[in-house]
Amino acid sequence: MALFTMGTAWADGDAAAGKEIFKKCALCHSPDAGVNKVGPSLHGIVGRHSASIETFNYSPAMKSFDKVWDAAQLDTYLTDPRGVVPGTKMIFPGLKDDKDRQNVIAYLSTLK
């Protein structure tokens, strides 16, 4: 039952609001396919395996993370990136607000 409730929360995220919040992420990540910055492109991130963009040099920690970026995994990671993947190169402290994460995940889901 809890998974259904959380899944509903992500489905209720506002992609337009998430696009605004994503501006924080856009300093290091591009929403465009094939465009890596300090961080990898987030185009197509939902459903993609972690550390799978061949043209990006991931940290050893991220290479060994070995997860699929579904809504639940993104929610966990975006809450505390360095806590979830100790040793990641990502210095962003995370999005502590549940609604902000829901909205960003809804926006990321549109990047196909």
N, C-alpha and C. Protein backbone atom coordinates (compact mmCIF):
# COMPACT_ATOMS: atom_id res chain seq x y z
N MET A 1 0.83 -1.19 0.00
CA MET A 1 0.00 0.00 0.00
C MET A 1 0.87 1.25 0.00
N ALA A 2 1.95 1.28 0.75
CA ALA A 2 2.81 2.46 0.80
C ALA A 2 3.43 2.74 -0.56
N LEU A 3 3.81 1.69 -1.28
CA LEU A 3 4.39 1.91 -2.61
C LEU A 3 3.37 2.54 -3.55
N PHE A 4 2.12 2.11 -3.45
CA PHE A 4 1.09 2.70 -4.29
C PHE A 4 0.92 4.18 -3.97
N THR A 5 0.92 4.51 -2.70
CA THR A 5 0.77 5.91 -2.29
C THR A 5 1.94 6.74 -2.80
N MET A 6 3.16 6.23 -2.66
CA MET A 6 4.31 6.98 -3.13
C MET A 6 4.27 7.11 -4.65
N GLY A 7 3.88 6.04 -5.34
CA GLY A 7 3.79 6.10 -6.80
C GLY A 7 2.77 7.13 -7.24
N THR A 8 1.69 7.22 -6.53
CA THR A 8 0.69 8.22 -6.83
C THR A 8 1.25 9.62 -6.64
N ALA A 9 2.05 9.80 -5.61
CA ALA A 9 2.65 11.11 -5.36
C ALA A 9 3.50 11.53 -6.54
N TRP A 10 4.31 10.62 -7.10
CA TRP A 10 5.14 10.98 -8.25
C TRP A 10 4.27 11.29 -9.46
N ALA A 11 3.20 10.50 -9.62
CA ALA A 11 2.29 10.75 -10.74
C ALA A 11 1.63 12.11 -10.60
N ASP A 12 1.50 12.59 -9.37
CA ASP A 12 0.87 13.88 -9.13
C ASP A 12 1.85 15.05 -9.23
N GLY A 13 3.13 14.76 -9.48
CA GLY A 13 4.11 15.82 -9.61
C GLY A 13 3.78 16.74 -10.77
N ASP A 14 4.17 17.98 -10.65
CA ASP A 14 3.91 19.00 -11.65
C ASP A 14 5.18 19.21 -12.48
N ALA A 15 5.16 18.73 -13.72
CA ALA A 15 6.34 18.80 -14.57
C ALA A 15 6.76 20.25 -14.85
N ALA A 16 5.81 21.15 -14.98
CA ALA A 16 6.15 22.56 -15.23
C ALA A 16 6.88 23.15 -14.02
N ALA A 17 6.39 22.85 -12.82
CA ALA A 17 7.07 23.31 -11.61
C ALA A 17 8.44 22.64 -11.50
N GLY A 18 8.51 21.36 -11.87
CA GLY A 18 9.77 20.64 -11.85
C GLY A 18 10.80 21.22 -12.79
N LYS A 19 10.36 21.73 -13.94
CA LYS A 19 11.27 22.36 -14.89
C LYS A 19 11.92 23.59 -14.26
N GLU A 20 11.16 24.33 -13.46
CA GLU A 20 11.71 25.50 -12.76
C GLU A 20 12.73 25.08 -11.71
N ILE A 21 12.39 24.05 -10.94
CA ILE A 21 13.31 23.55 -9.91
C ILE A 21 14.57 22.98 -10.56
N PHE A 22 14.41 22.39 -11.74
CA PHE A 22 15.54 21.78 -12.46
C PHE A 22 16.62 22.81 -12.80
N LYS A 23 16.28 24.08 -12.77
CA LYS A 23 17.30 25.11 -13.05
C LYS A 23 18.49 24.96 -12.10
N LYS A 24 18.24 24.49 -10.88
CA LYS A 24 19.33 24.22 -9.93
C LYS A 24 20.22 23.11 -10.47
N CYS A 25 19.62 22.14 -11.09
CA CYS A 25 20.34 20.97 -11.62
C CYS A 25 21.07 21.31 -12.93
N ALA A 26 20.48 22.26 -13.68
CA ALA A 26 20.98 22.60 -15.01
C ALA A 26 22.36 23.26 -14.99
N LEU A 27 22.81 23.66 -13.81
CA LEU A 27 24.17 24.18 -13.72
C LEU A 27 25.16 23.08 -14.10
N CYS A 28 24.82 21.84 -13.78
CA CYS A 28 25.73 20.72 -14.03
C CYS A 28 25.19 19.67 -15.01
N HIS A 29 23.86 19.64 -15.19
CA HIS A 29 23.23 18.62 -16.03
C HIS A 29 22.40 19.26 -17.14
N SER A 30 22.50 18.70 -18.33
CA SER A 30 21.67 19.14 -19.45
C SER A 30 20.44 18.24 -19.58
N PRO A 31 19.30 18.82 -19.97
CA PRO A 31 18.14 17.99 -20.26
C PRO A 31 18.16 17.47 -21.70
N ASP A 32 19.17 17.87 -22.46
CA ASP A 32 19.24 17.53 -23.88
C ASP A 32 20.03 16.24 -24.10
N ALA A 33 19.57 15.45 -25.03
CA ALA A 33 20.24 14.18 -25.36
C ALA A 33 21.66 14.45 -25.86
N GLY A 34 22.60 13.68 -25.34
CA GLY A 34 23.98 13.74 -25.82
C GLY A 34 24.78 14.93 -25.34
N VAL A 35 24.21 15.76 -24.46
CA VAL A 35 24.92 16.95 -23.98
C VAL A 35 25.29 16.73 -22.51
N ASN A 36 26.55 16.38 -22.29
CA ASN A 36 27.05 16.23 -20.93
C ASN A 36 27.70 17.53 -20.51
N LYS A 37 27.61 17.82 -19.25
CA LYS A 37 28.29 18.97 -18.65
C LYS A 37 29.21 18.42 -17.57
N VAL A 38 29.29 19.07 -16.44
CA VAL A 38 30.04 18.53 -15.31
C VAL A 38 29.42 17.18 -14.91
N GLY A 39 28.10 17.09 -15.03
CA GLY A 39 27.36 15.85 -14.82
C GLY A 39 26.81 15.35 -16.14
N PRO A 40 26.35 14.11 -16.17
CA PRO A 40 25.82 13.55 -17.41
C PRO A 40 24.48 14.16 -17.82
N SER A 41 24.15 14.05 -19.10
CA SER A 41 22.84 14.46 -19.58
C SER A 41 21.76 13.69 -18.82
N LEU A 42 20.68 14.37 -18.49
CA LEU A 42 19.57 13.70 -17.82
C LEU A 42 18.43 13.38 -18.77
N HIS A 43 18.67 13.58 -20.05
CA HIS A 43 17.67 13.20 -21.07
C HIS A 43 17.51 11.68 -21.02
N GLY A 44 16.29 11.23 -20.85
CA GLY A 44 16.01 9.80 -20.81
C GLY A 44 16.45 9.12 -19.52
N ILE A 45 16.66 9.89 -18.47
CA ILE A 45 17.14 9.32 -17.21
C ILE A 45 16.16 8.33 -16.59
N VAL A 46 14.86 8.61 -16.67
CA VAL A 46 13.87 7.72 -16.05
C VAL A 46 13.82 6.41 -16.85
N GLY A 47 14.17 5.34 -16.17
CA GLY A 47 14.20 4.02 -16.79
C GLY A 47 15.59 3.62 -17.27
N ARG A 48 16.55 4.52 -17.20
CA ARG A 48 17.91 4.24 -17.66
C ARG A 48 18.73 3.64 -16.51
N HIS A 49 19.66 2.80 -16.85
CA HIS A 49 20.55 2.22 -15.86
C HIS A 49 21.56 3.28 -15.43
N SER A 50 21.93 3.28 -14.16
CA SER A 50 22.93 4.23 -13.65
C SER A 50 24.26 4.04 -14.36
N ALA A 51 24.99 5.16 -14.50
CA ALA A 51 26.33 5.17 -15.08
C ALA A 51 26.38 4.52 -16.46
N SER A 52 25.38 4.77 -17.28
CA SER A 52 25.29 4.07 -18.57
C SER A 52 25.57 4.94 -19.80
N ILE A 53 25.87 6.22 -19.62
CA ILE A 53 26.22 7.04 -20.77
C ILE A 53 27.70 6.85 -21.05
N GLU A 54 28.00 6.25 -22.18
CA GLU A 54 29.38 5.88 -22.50
C GLU A 54 30.32 7.07 -22.62
N THR A 55 29.78 8.24 -22.96
CA THR A 55 30.63 9.42 -23.18
C THR A 55 30.83 10.24 -21.91
N PHE A 56 30.40 9.72 -20.76
CA PHE A 56 30.58 10.44 -19.51
C PHE A 56 31.50 9.65 -18.58
N ASN A 57 32.40 10.35 -17.90
CA ASN A 57 33.34 9.73 -16.98
C ASN A 57 32.76 9.74 -15.55
N TYR A 58 32.07 8.67 -15.20
CA TYR A 58 31.44 8.56 -13.89
C TYR A 58 32.48 8.24 -12.81
N SER A 59 32.17 8.60 -11.58
CA SER A 59 33.01 8.24 -10.45
C SER A 59 32.95 6.72 -10.26
N PRO A 60 33.98 6.15 -9.67
CA PRO A 60 33.92 4.72 -9.34
C PRO A 60 32.70 4.38 -8.48
N ALA A 61 32.34 5.28 -7.57
CA ALA A 61 31.17 5.03 -6.71
C ALA A 61 29.90 4.91 -7.54
N MET A 62 29.72 5.80 -8.51
CA MET A 62 28.51 5.73 -9.34
C MET A 62 28.56 4.51 -10.26
N LYS A 63 29.73 4.17 -10.75
CA LYS A 63 29.86 2.98 -11.61
C LYS A 63 29.44 1.73 -10.85
N SER A 64 29.71 1.68 -9.56
CA SER A 64 29.37 0.48 -8.79
C SER A 64 27.96 0.55 -8.19
N PHE A 65 27.27 1.67 -8.35
CA PHE A 65 25.93 1.84 -7.78
C PHE A 65 24.95 0.81 -8.37
N ASP A 66 24.96 0.63 -9.67
CA ASP A 66 24.24 -0.46 -10.34
C ASP A 66 22.74 -0.49 -10.04
N LYS A 67 22.05 0.59 -10.37
CA LYS A 67 20.60 0.70 -10.19
C LYS A 67 19.95 1.20 -11.47
N VAL A 68 18.64 1.07 -11.55
CA VAL A 68 17.86 1.68 -12.63
C VAL A 68 17.19 2.91 -12.05
N TRP A 69 17.26 4.00 -12.79
CA TRP A 69 16.68 5.26 -12.32
C TRP A 69 15.17 5.27 -12.56
N ASP A 70 14.44 4.61 -11.70
CA ASP A 70 12.98 4.71 -11.73
C ASP A 70 12.58 5.82 -10.75
N ALA A 71 11.30 6.10 -10.64
CA ALA A 71 10.84 7.20 -9.79
C ALA A 71 11.26 6.99 -8.33
N ALA A 72 11.15 5.78 -7.83
CA ALA A 72 11.51 5.51 -6.44
C ALA A 72 13.00 5.72 -6.20
N GLN A 73 13.83 5.23 -7.12
CA GLN A 73 15.27 5.37 -6.96
C GLN A 73 15.68 6.84 -7.07
N LEU A 74 15.09 7.56 -8.01
CA LEU A 74 15.38 8.99 -8.14
C LEU A 74 14.98 9.75 -6.88
N ASP A 75 13.84 9.41 -6.33
CA ASP A 75 13.38 10.08 -5.11
C ASP A 75 14.38 9.87 -3.97
N THR A 76 14.82 8.65 -3.80
CA THR A 76 15.80 8.35 -2.76
C THR A 76 17.11 9.09 -3.01
N TYR A 77 17.60 9.02 -4.22
CA TYR A 77 18.88 9.65 -4.56
C TYR A 77 18.81 11.17 -4.43
N LEU A 78 17.75 11.77 -4.95
CA LEU A 78 17.64 13.23 -4.93
C LEU A 78 17.46 13.79 -3.51
N THR A 79 17.06 12.95 -2.58
CA THR A 79 16.95 13.39 -1.20
C THR A 79 18.33 13.65 -0.59
N ASP A 80 19.29 12.78 -0.91
CA ASP A 80 20.63 12.88 -0.33
C ASP A 80 21.63 12.14 -1.22
N PRO A 81 22.04 12.75 -2.33
CA PRO A 81 22.92 12.06 -3.28
C PRO A 81 24.18 11.48 -2.66
N ARG A 82 24.85 12.24 -1.83
CA ARG A 82 26.11 11.77 -1.25
C ARG A 82 25.89 10.72 -0.17
N GLY A 83 24.73 10.72 0.45
CA GLY A 83 24.40 9.68 1.41
C GLY A 83 24.04 8.37 0.73
N VAL A 84 23.39 8.45 -0.41
CA VAL A 84 22.97 7.26 -1.15
C VAL A 84 24.14 6.65 -1.91
N VAL A 85 25.00 7.49 -2.49
CA VAL A 85 26.16 7.02 -3.24
C VAL A 85 27.41 7.71 -2.67
N PRO A 86 27.90 7.21 -1.54
CA PRO A 86 29.12 7.80 -0.96
C PRO A 86 30.26 7.74 -1.98
N GLY A 87 30.93 8.86 -2.17
CA GLY A 87 32.02 8.92 -3.13
C GLY A 87 31.61 9.46 -4.48
N THR A 88 30.32 9.77 -4.66
CA THR A 88 29.89 10.36 -5.92
C THR A 88 30.57 11.71 -6.11
N LYS A 89 30.75 12.10 -7.38
CA LYS A 89 31.33 13.42 -7.67
C LYS A 89 30.29 14.52 -7.50
N MET A 90 29.03 14.15 -7.42
CA MET A 90 27.95 15.14 -7.32
C MET A 90 27.98 15.81 -5.95
N ILE A 91 28.16 17.12 -5.96
CA ILE A 91 28.26 17.85 -4.69
C ILE A 91 26.93 18.45 -4.24
N PHE A 92 25.90 18.39 -5.08
CA PHE A 92 24.59 18.93 -4.74
C PHE A 92 24.07 18.26 -3.47
N PRO A 93 23.60 19.04 -2.50
CA PRO A 93 23.17 18.45 -1.22
C PRO A 93 21.84 17.70 -1.28
N GLY A 94 21.09 17.86 -2.34
CA GLY A 94 19.81 17.17 -2.48
C GLY A 94 18.63 18.10 -2.36
N LEU A 95 17.48 17.57 -2.69
CA LEU A 95 16.21 18.29 -2.57
C LEU A 95 15.47 17.71 -1.37
N LYS A 96 15.40 18.45 -0.31
CA LYS A 96 14.81 17.94 0.93
C LYS A 96 13.29 17.97 0.92
N ASP A 97 12.69 18.85 0.10
CA ASP A 97 11.23 18.98 0.04
C ASP A 97 10.62 17.90 -0.85
N ASP A 98 9.70 17.13 -0.30
CA ASP A 98 9.07 16.03 -1.04
C ASP A 98 8.42 16.51 -2.33
N LYS A 99 7.69 17.60 -2.27
CA LYS A 99 6.98 18.10 -3.45
C LYS A 99 7.97 18.54 -4.53
N ASP A 100 9.07 19.18 -4.13
CA ASP A 100 10.09 19.56 -5.11
C ASP A 100 10.63 18.32 -5.83
N ARG A 101 10.89 17.26 -5.08
CA ARG A 101 11.39 16.02 -5.71
C ARG A 101 10.34 15.43 -6.64
N GLN A 102 9.08 15.40 -6.19
CA GLN A 102 8.01 14.88 -7.04
C GLN A 102 7.94 15.66 -8.35
N ASN A 103 8.05 16.98 -8.24
CA ASN A 103 7.95 17.82 -9.42
C ASN A 103 9.14 17.63 -10.35
N VAL A 104 10.35 17.51 -9.80
CA VAL A 104 11.53 17.29 -10.63
C VAL A 104 11.44 15.92 -11.31
N ILE A 105 11.00 14.91 -10.59
CA ILE A 105 10.85 13.58 -11.20
C ILE A 105 9.81 13.61 -12.30
N ALA A 106 8.72 14.34 -12.09
CA ALA A 106 7.70 14.49 -13.14
C ALA A 106 8.32 15.16 -14.38
N TYR A 107 9.14 16.20 -14.17
CA TYR A 107 9.82 16.85 -15.29
C TYR A 107 10.80 15.90 -15.97
N LEU A 108 11.62 15.21 -15.19
CA LEU A 108 12.58 14.27 -15.77
C LEU A 108 11.88 13.20 -16.60
N SER A 109 10.68 12.83 -16.19
CA SER A 109 9.90 11.83 -16.92
C SER A 109 9.49 12.30 -18.31
N THR A 110 9.50 13.61 -18.53
CA THR A 110 9.14 14.15 -19.85
C THR A 110 10.32 14.18 -20.81
N LEU A 111 11.52 13.97 -20.31
CA LEU A 111 12.73 14.07 -21.13
C LEU A 111 13.00 12.76 -21.84
N LYS A 112 12.30 12.55 -22.93
CA LYS A 112 12.39 11.28 -23.68
C LYS A 112 12.83 11.53 -25.10
